[in-house]
Amino acid sequence: MHFTDYDTRLAAYALIVDDADRILLTWYVGGPHSPACWTLPGGGVEYDESLQRAVAREVLEETGYMVDVGRPVAVHTSTEPRTRHSGRPYKAVRVVFAATVTGGSLGTTEINGTTSHAQWIPLDQTPTLTPRAPIIDATLSELQAHRPRDS
């Protein structure tokens, strides 16, 4: 299928892990077509912004933190045969960047947004969180696959 034959949503997310091995996650409040769940901070990239700028903006809105955006660590894609909005096939592309907190304080700053709160969760408890967005597992799997193995 040619790219002009389907709708695409580009989104950018942050993977933020602190020195205490805690991951920063947000609670997505859900919507008409997706249930509430834990997810990485991030969201849709605006037409006139870079992926890195989108990550910084979304993290500030959803967590209250300013971040330094690093390298991409994972890409997650999904497709749907038809969307209710346009009736066209749909592809979501989510790019996850490593990020480091540089300032701010924990608390969402967006008003009437899709995130109710952010929370630091011990990394080893992440696999037991329910419900959680697939982007979390995809990102952690990608990191595990590229982690240097002890000899």
N, C-alpha and C. Protein backbone atom coordinates (compact mmCIF):
# COMPACT_ATOMS: atom_id res chain seq x y z
N MET A 1 0.85 -1.18 0.00
CA MET A 1 0.00 0.00 0.00
C MET A 1 0.90 1.24 0.00
N HIS A 2 0.61 2.18 -0.84
CA HIS A 2 1.37 3.42 -0.93
C HIS A 2 1.07 4.32 0.27
N PHE A 3 2.05 5.08 0.72
CA PHE A 3 1.86 5.90 1.92
C PHE A 3 0.76 6.94 1.80
N THR A 4 0.36 7.29 0.59
CA THR A 4 -0.73 8.25 0.42
C THR A 4 -2.10 7.60 0.60
N ASP A 5 -2.11 6.27 0.73
CA ASP A 5 -3.38 5.54 0.85
C ASP A 5 -3.78 5.26 2.29
N TYR A 6 -3.00 5.74 3.26
CA TYR A 6 -3.36 5.53 4.65
C TYR A 6 -2.97 6.75 5.49
N ASP A 7 -3.58 6.88 6.66
CA ASP A 7 -3.28 7.97 7.60
C ASP A 7 -2.17 7.52 8.53
N THR A 8 -1.31 8.46 8.90
CA THR A 8 -0.19 8.15 9.78
C THR A 8 -0.21 9.11 10.97
N ARG A 9 0.06 8.56 12.14
CA ARG A 9 0.26 9.39 13.34
C ARG A 9 1.67 9.16 13.81
N LEU A 10 2.44 10.23 13.91
CA LEU A 10 3.81 10.18 14.40
C LEU A 10 3.81 10.66 15.84
N ALA A 11 4.40 9.86 16.72
CA ALA A 11 4.45 10.22 18.14
C ALA A 11 5.86 9.99 18.66
N ALA A 12 6.21 10.72 19.68
CA ALA A 12 7.54 10.62 20.30
C ALA A 12 7.38 10.48 21.81
N TYR A 13 8.16 9.58 22.39
CA TYR A 13 8.07 9.25 23.81
C TYR A 13 9.44 9.30 24.46
N ALA A 14 9.45 9.37 25.79
CA ALA A 14 10.70 9.41 26.53
C ALA A 14 10.84 8.18 27.43
N LEU A 15 12.02 7.63 27.44
CA LEU A 15 12.39 6.61 28.41
C LEU A 15 13.28 7.30 29.42
N ILE A 16 12.77 7.44 30.64
CA ILE A 16 13.50 8.13 31.70
C ILE A 16 13.64 7.17 32.87
N VAL A 17 14.87 6.81 33.17
CA VAL A 17 15.17 5.92 34.30
C VAL A 17 16.15 6.67 35.19
N ASP A 18 15.85 6.72 36.49
CA ASP A 18 16.73 7.46 37.41
C ASP A 18 17.79 6.55 38.02
N ASP A 19 18.63 7.13 38.87
CA ASP A 19 19.73 6.39 39.50
C ASP A 19 19.26 5.31 40.46
N ALA A 20 18.00 5.37 40.87
CA ALA A 20 17.44 4.36 41.78
C ALA A 20 16.74 3.24 40.99
N ASP A 21 17.00 3.16 39.69
CA ASP A 21 16.37 2.15 38.82
C ASP A 21 14.84 2.24 38.85
N ARG A 22 14.34 3.48 38.78
CA ARG A 22 12.91 3.70 38.66
C ARG A 22 12.64 4.32 37.29
N ILE A 23 11.53 3.93 36.69
CA ILE A 23 11.13 4.46 35.40
C ILE A 23 9.99 5.45 35.61
N LEU A 24 10.01 6.52 34.85
CA LEU A 24 8.96 7.53 34.94
C LEU A 24 7.85 7.16 33.96
N LEU A 25 6.66 6.88 34.50
CA LEU A 25 5.51 6.52 33.68
C LEU A 25 4.37 7.49 33.93
N THR A 26 3.45 7.52 33.00
CA THR A 26 2.28 8.38 33.13
C THR A 26 1.02 7.53 33.04
N TRP A 27 -0.06 8.04 33.64
CA TRP A 27 -1.34 7.36 33.57
C TRP A 27 -2.18 8.03 32.50
N TYR A 28 -2.40 7.31 31.41
CA TYR A 28 -3.25 7.77 30.31
C TYR A 28 -4.69 7.51 30.72
N VAL A 29 -5.54 8.53 30.64
CA VAL A 29 -6.91 8.41 31.13
C VAL A 29 -7.86 7.66 30.20
N GLY A 30 -7.38 7.33 29.02
CA GLY A 30 -8.21 6.58 28.08
C GLY A 30 -9.01 7.50 27.18
N GLY A 31 -9.58 6.89 26.17
CA GLY A 31 -10.37 7.63 25.20
C GLY A 31 -11.40 6.73 24.57
N PRO A 32 -12.09 7.24 23.56
CA PRO A 32 -13.16 6.45 22.96
C PRO A 32 -12.69 5.13 22.34
N HIS A 33 -11.44 5.09 21.89
CA HIS A 33 -10.95 3.89 21.21
C HIS A 33 -9.76 3.23 21.90
N SER A 34 -9.37 3.72 23.06
CA SER A 34 -8.24 3.13 23.77
C SER A 34 -8.46 3.24 25.28
N PRO A 35 -8.23 2.15 25.99
CA PRO A 35 -8.49 2.14 27.43
C PRO A 35 -7.42 2.86 28.24
N ALA A 36 -7.77 3.23 29.45
CA ALA A 36 -6.82 3.83 30.38
C ALA A 36 -5.70 2.83 30.68
N CYS A 37 -4.47 3.36 30.84
CA CYS A 37 -3.34 2.48 31.13
C CYS A 37 -2.09 3.29 31.48
N TRP A 38 -1.10 2.59 32.01
CA TRP A 38 0.22 3.17 32.22
C TRP A 38 0.92 3.25 30.87
N THR A 39 1.69 4.30 30.66
CA THR A 39 2.44 4.46 29.42
C THR A 39 3.67 5.30 29.66
N LEU A 40 4.50 5.42 28.66
CA LEU A 40 5.65 6.32 28.72
C LEU A 40 5.17 7.74 28.49
N PRO A 41 5.85 8.73 29.06
CA PRO A 41 5.48 10.11 28.75
C PRO A 41 5.77 10.42 27.29
N GLY A 42 4.82 11.04 26.63
CA GLY A 42 5.01 11.38 25.23
C GLY A 42 3.68 11.52 24.53
N GLY A 43 3.74 11.73 23.22
CA GLY A 43 2.52 11.86 22.46
C GLY A 43 2.78 12.36 21.06
N GLY A 44 1.74 12.84 20.43
CA GLY A 44 1.79 13.24 19.03
C GLY A 44 2.75 14.38 18.75
N VAL A 45 3.41 14.27 17.62
CA VAL A 45 4.33 15.30 17.15
C VAL A 45 3.53 16.30 16.33
N GLU A 46 3.63 17.57 16.71
CA GLU A 46 2.93 18.62 15.98
C GLU A 46 3.57 18.83 14.60
N TYR A 47 2.83 19.37 13.68
CA TYR A 47 3.27 19.54 12.30
C TYR A 47 4.61 20.28 12.20
N ASP A 48 4.78 21.32 13.00
CA ASP A 48 5.95 22.18 12.87
C ASP A 48 7.05 21.92 13.90
N GLU A 49 7.06 20.75 14.55
CA GLU A 49 8.10 20.51 15.55
C GLU A 49 8.89 19.24 15.25
N SER A 50 10.11 19.22 15.73
CA SER A 50 10.96 18.04 15.60
C SER A 50 10.51 16.99 16.61
N LEU A 51 10.94 15.76 16.40
CA LEU A 51 10.63 14.70 17.35
C LEU A 51 11.19 15.02 18.73
N GLN A 52 12.43 15.51 18.77
CA GLN A 52 13.07 15.83 20.05
C GLN A 52 12.32 16.94 20.78
N ARG A 53 11.88 17.95 20.06
CA ARG A 53 11.12 19.05 20.68
C ARG A 53 9.78 18.52 21.18
N ALA A 54 9.16 17.63 20.42
CA ALA A 54 7.88 17.04 20.85
C ALA A 54 8.05 16.26 22.15
N VAL A 55 9.14 15.49 22.25
CA VAL A 55 9.39 14.73 23.49
C VAL A 55 9.52 15.69 24.67
N ALA A 56 10.34 16.72 24.52
CA ALA A 56 10.54 17.67 25.62
C ALA A 56 9.23 18.33 26.03
N ARG A 57 8.42 18.74 25.06
CA ARG A 57 7.13 19.38 25.34
C ARG A 57 6.19 18.42 26.05
N GLU A 58 6.06 17.21 25.51
CA GLU A 58 5.15 16.23 26.10
C GLU A 58 5.57 15.84 27.52
N VAL A 59 6.87 15.64 27.74
CA VAL A 59 7.32 15.28 29.08
C VAL A 59 7.00 16.39 30.07
N LEU A 60 7.23 17.63 29.69
CA LEU A 60 6.91 18.74 30.59
C LEU A 60 5.40 18.79 30.88
N GLU A 61 4.58 18.64 29.85
CA GLU A 61 3.13 18.67 30.05
C GLU A 61 2.65 17.53 30.95
N GLU A 62 3.19 16.34 30.73
CA GLU A 62 2.66 15.16 31.41
C GLU A 62 3.32 14.84 32.74
N THR A 63 4.53 15.35 32.97
CA THR A 63 5.24 14.98 34.20
C THR A 63 5.70 16.17 35.03
N GLY A 64 5.77 17.35 34.45
CA GLY A 64 6.28 18.51 35.16
C GLY A 64 7.79 18.67 35.08
N TYR A 65 8.46 17.75 34.40
CA TYR A 65 9.93 17.78 34.31
C TYR A 65 10.40 18.33 32.98
N MET A 66 11.49 19.09 33.04
CA MET A 66 12.23 19.47 31.84
C MET A 66 13.27 18.38 31.63
N VAL A 67 13.52 18.05 30.36
CA VAL A 67 14.44 16.96 30.07
C VAL A 67 15.44 17.34 28.98
N ASP A 68 16.56 16.63 29.02
CA ASP A 68 17.53 16.64 27.95
C ASP A 68 17.23 15.38 27.14
N VAL A 69 16.93 15.54 25.88
CA VAL A 69 16.54 14.41 25.03
C VAL A 69 17.79 13.84 24.38
N GLY A 70 17.96 12.53 24.53
CA GLY A 70 19.12 11.84 23.98
C GLY A 70 18.79 11.10 22.69
N ARG A 71 19.42 9.96 22.54
CA ARG A 71 19.31 9.17 21.30
C ARG A 71 18.02 8.35 21.26
N PRO A 72 17.57 8.01 20.07
CA PRO A 72 16.43 7.09 19.97
C PRO A 72 16.83 5.71 20.51
N VAL A 73 15.92 5.07 21.24
CA VAL A 73 16.20 3.74 21.80
C VAL A 73 15.26 2.67 21.28
N ALA A 74 14.13 3.07 20.71
CA ALA A 74 13.18 2.07 20.20
C ALA A 74 12.20 2.75 19.24
N VAL A 75 11.67 1.94 18.33
CA VAL A 75 10.60 2.38 17.44
C VAL A 75 9.53 1.30 17.49
N HIS A 76 8.30 1.73 17.65
CA HIS A 76 7.18 0.80 17.72
C HIS A 76 6.14 1.25 16.71
N THR A 77 5.68 0.31 15.87
CA THR A 77 4.64 0.64 14.90
C THR A 77 3.46 -0.30 15.06
N SER A 78 2.30 0.19 14.69
CA SER A 78 1.10 -0.64 14.66
C SER A 78 0.21 -0.14 13.53
N THR A 79 -0.66 -1.01 13.07
CA THR A 79 -1.57 -0.64 11.99
C THR A 79 -2.98 -1.09 12.32
N GLU A 80 -3.93 -0.40 11.71
CA GLU A 80 -5.34 -0.77 11.79
C GLU A 80 -5.90 -0.71 10.38
N PRO A 81 -6.76 -1.66 10.01
CA PRO A 81 -7.28 -1.67 8.64
C PRO A 81 -8.17 -0.48 8.31
N ARG A 82 -8.91 0.03 9.27
CA ARG A 82 -9.80 1.17 9.05
C ARG A 82 -9.95 1.94 10.36
N THR A 83 -9.96 3.26 10.26
CA THR A 83 -10.21 4.07 11.45
C THR A 83 -11.65 4.58 11.41
N ARG A 84 -12.18 4.82 12.57
CA ARG A 84 -13.55 5.35 12.64
C ARG A 84 -13.60 6.80 12.17
N HIS A 85 -12.48 7.50 12.36
CA HIS A 85 -12.45 8.92 12.01
C HIS A 85 -12.53 9.14 10.50
N SER A 86 -11.64 8.49 9.75
CA SER A 86 -11.58 8.74 8.31
C SER A 86 -12.02 7.55 7.46
N GLY A 87 -12.09 6.38 8.07
CA GLY A 87 -12.41 5.18 7.31
C GLY A 87 -11.24 4.64 6.52
N ARG A 88 -10.10 5.31 6.61
CA ARG A 88 -8.89 4.89 5.88
C ARG A 88 -8.03 4.00 6.78
N PRO A 89 -7.17 3.20 6.19
CA PRO A 89 -6.20 2.46 6.99
C PRO A 89 -5.32 3.45 7.77
N TYR A 90 -4.77 2.96 8.88
CA TYR A 90 -4.07 3.83 9.82
C TYR A 90 -2.77 3.16 10.27
N LYS A 91 -1.72 3.96 10.35
CA LYS A 91 -0.43 3.48 10.86
C LYS A 91 0.05 4.43 11.95
N ALA A 92 0.41 3.87 13.09
CA ALA A 92 0.99 4.66 14.18
C ALA A 92 2.48 4.35 14.23
N VAL A 93 3.30 5.39 14.29
CA VAL A 93 4.74 5.26 14.42
C VAL A 93 5.16 5.98 15.69
N ARG A 94 5.73 5.23 16.62
CA ARG A 94 6.13 5.78 17.92
C ARG A 94 7.64 5.63 18.08
N VAL A 95 8.34 6.76 18.24
CA VAL A 95 9.78 6.75 18.43
C VAL A 95 10.06 7.08 19.89
N VAL A 96 10.85 6.23 20.55
CA VAL A 96 11.18 6.42 21.96
C VAL A 96 12.62 6.90 22.08
N PHE A 97 12.81 7.99 22.82
CA PHE A 97 14.12 8.57 23.04
C PHE A 97 14.54 8.41 24.50
N ALA A 98 15.80 8.17 24.73
CA ALA A 98 16.34 8.24 26.09
C ALA A 98 16.28 9.71 26.50
N ALA A 99 15.97 9.97 27.77
CA ALA A 99 15.91 11.35 28.25
C ALA A 99 16.37 11.40 29.70
N THR A 100 16.87 12.57 30.10
CA THR A 100 17.36 12.79 31.45
C THR A 100 16.68 14.03 32.02
N VAL A 101 16.19 13.92 33.23
CA VAL A 101 15.55 15.06 33.90
C VAL A 101 16.61 16.12 34.20
N THR A 102 16.31 17.37 33.82
CA THR A 102 17.23 18.49 34.08
C THR A 102 16.62 19.55 34.99
N GLY A 103 15.32 19.45 35.28
CA GLY A 103 14.69 20.45 36.13
C GLY A 103 13.20 20.18 36.24
N GLY A 104 12.54 21.07 36.98
CA GLY A 104 11.10 20.94 37.18
C GLY A 104 10.78 20.09 38.40
N SER A 105 9.50 19.81 38.58
CA SER A 105 9.07 18.97 39.69
C SER A 105 7.88 18.13 39.24
N LEU A 106 7.74 16.96 39.85
CA LEU A 106 6.74 16.00 39.45
C LEU A 106 5.33 16.57 39.57
N GLY A 107 4.60 16.52 38.48
CA GLY A 107 3.21 16.98 38.44
C GLY A 107 2.83 17.36 37.03
N THR A 108 1.68 16.93 36.56
CA THR A 108 1.26 17.26 35.20
C THR A 108 0.94 18.74 35.09
N THR A 109 1.27 19.32 33.95
CA THR A 109 1.01 20.74 33.73
C THR A 109 -0.06 20.97 32.66
N GLU A 110 -0.44 19.92 31.92
CA GLU A 110 -1.45 20.11 30.89
C GLU A 110 -2.83 20.21 31.52
N ILE A 111 -3.69 20.98 30.89
CA ILE A 111 -5.06 21.16 31.37
C ILE A 111 -6.00 20.44 30.42
N ASN A 112 -6.90 19.65 30.98
CA ASN A 112 -7.84 18.86 30.17
C ASN A 112 -7.13 17.95 29.18
N GLY A 113 -5.99 17.41 29.61
CA GLY A 113 -5.21 16.53 28.74
C GLY A 113 -5.59 15.07 28.95
N THR A 114 -4.79 14.21 28.37
CA THR A 114 -5.05 12.78 28.44
C THR A 114 -4.25 12.07 29.53
N THR A 115 -3.48 12.85 30.31
CA THR A 115 -2.68 12.28 31.39
C THR A 115 -3.17 12.80 32.73
N SER A 116 -3.46 11.89 33.66
CA SER A 116 -3.92 12.35 34.97
C SER A 116 -2.77 12.57 35.94
N HIS A 117 -1.72 11.73 35.84
CA HIS A 117 -0.57 11.89 36.73
C HIS A 117 0.62 11.09 36.21
N ALA A 118 1.77 11.42 36.77
CA ALA A 118 3.00 10.70 36.47
C ALA A 118 3.53 10.12 37.77
N GLN A 119 4.30 9.05 37.65
CA GLN A 119 4.80 8.39 38.85
C GLN A 119 6.11 7.65 38.53
N TRP A 120 7.04 7.69 39.49
CA TRP A 120 8.25 6.89 39.39
C TRP A 120 7.92 5.49 39.89
N ILE A 121 8.20 4.49 39.06
CA ILE A 121 7.89 3.09 39.37
C ILE A 121 9.21 2.30 39.36
N PRO A 122 9.45 1.46 40.35
CA PRO A 122 10.66 0.62 40.29
C PRO A 122 10.66 -0.18 38.97
N LEU A 123 11.78 -0.13 38.29
CA LEU A 123 11.89 -0.76 36.97
C LEU A 123 11.52 -2.24 37.01
N ASP A 124 11.91 -2.93 38.08
CA ASP A 124 11.63 -4.37 38.16
C ASP A 124 10.14 -4.66 38.39
N GLN A 125 9.34 -3.65 38.74
CA GLN A 125 7.90 -3.84 38.91
C GLN A 125 7.11 -3.54 37.64
N THR A 126 7.78 -2.97 36.65
CA THR A 126 7.11 -2.57 35.42
C THR A 126 6.39 -3.73 34.73
N PRO A 127 6.98 -4.93 34.64
CA PRO A 127 6.28 -6.02 33.96
C PRO A 127 4.98 -6.45 34.64
N THR A 128 4.78 -6.09 35.90
CA THR A 128 3.57 -6.49 36.61
C THR A 128 2.49 -5.40 36.61
N LEU A 129 2.80 -4.23 36.08
CA LEU A 129 1.80 -3.15 36.02
C LEU A 129 0.69 -3.51 35.05
N THR A 130 -0.53 -3.32 35.49
CA THR A 130 -1.66 -3.55 34.59
C THR A 130 -2.70 -2.46 34.82
N PRO A 131 -3.31 -2.03 33.79
CA PRO A 131 -2.95 -2.27 32.40
C PRO A 131 -1.78 -1.37 32.01
N ARG A 132 -1.03 -1.79 30.99
CA ARG A 132 0.08 -0.98 30.50
C ARG A 132 0.07 -0.99 28.98
N ALA A 133 0.52 0.11 28.41
CA ALA A 133 0.56 0.25 26.96
C ALA A 133 1.65 -0.63 26.37
N PRO A 134 1.44 -1.16 25.19
CA PRO A 134 2.44 -2.01 24.53
C PRO A 134 3.78 -1.31 24.32
N ILE A 135 3.79 0.02 24.24
CA ILE A 135 5.04 0.76 24.03
C ILE A 135 6.02 0.52 25.17
N ILE A 136 5.54 0.27 26.37
CA ILE A 136 6.42 0.01 27.51
C ILE A 136 7.17 -1.30 27.29
N ASP A 137 6.44 -2.37 27.00
CA ASP A 137 7.08 -3.67 26.80
C ASP A 137 8.00 -3.66 25.58
N ALA A 138 7.58 -3.02 24.50
CA ALA A 138 8.40 -2.96 23.29
C ALA A 138 9.71 -2.24 23.57
N THR A 139 9.65 -1.15 24.33
CA THR A 139 10.86 -0.39 24.65
C THR A 139 11.79 -1.19 25.56
N LEU A 140 11.24 -1.79 26.60
CA LEU A 140 12.08 -2.56 27.53
C LEU A 140 12.67 -3.79 26.84
N SER A 141 11.93 -4.42 25.94
CA SER A 141 12.46 -5.56 25.17
C SER A 141 13.61 -5.13 24.28
N GLU A 142 13.46 -3.99 23.65
CA GLU A 142 14.52 -3.46 22.78
C GLU A 142 15.78 -3.16 23.59
N LEU A 143 15.60 -2.58 24.75
CA LEU A 143 16.76 -2.30 25.62
C LEU A 143 17.45 -3.59 26.07
N GLN A 144 16.66 -4.56 26.45
CA GLN A 144 17.21 -5.84 26.90
C GLN A 144 17.98 -6.53 25.77
N ALA A 145 17.47 -6.44 24.56
CA ALA A 145 18.12 -7.08 23.41
C ALA A 145 19.47 -6.46 23.09
N HIS A 146 19.64 -5.17 23.41
CA HIS A 146 20.88 -4.48 23.10
C HIS A 146 21.78 -4.22 24.31
N ARG A 147 21.40 -4.78 25.45
CA ARG A 147 22.20 -4.61 26.66
C ARG A 147 23.43 -5.51 26.57
N PRO A 148 24.61 -4.97 26.89
CA PRO A 148 25.80 -5.82 26.87
C PRO A 148 25.67 -6.98 27.86
N ARG A 149 26.05 -8.13 27.42
CA ARG A 149 25.99 -9.32 28.28
C ARG A 149 27.28 -9.45 29.07
N ASP A 150 27.14 -9.89 30.33
CA ASP A 150 28.34 -10.14 31.15
C ASP A 150 29.07 -11.36 30.62
N SER A 151 30.38 -11.31 30.64
CA SER A 151 31.16 -12.46 30.14
C SER A 151 31.37 -13.48 31.21
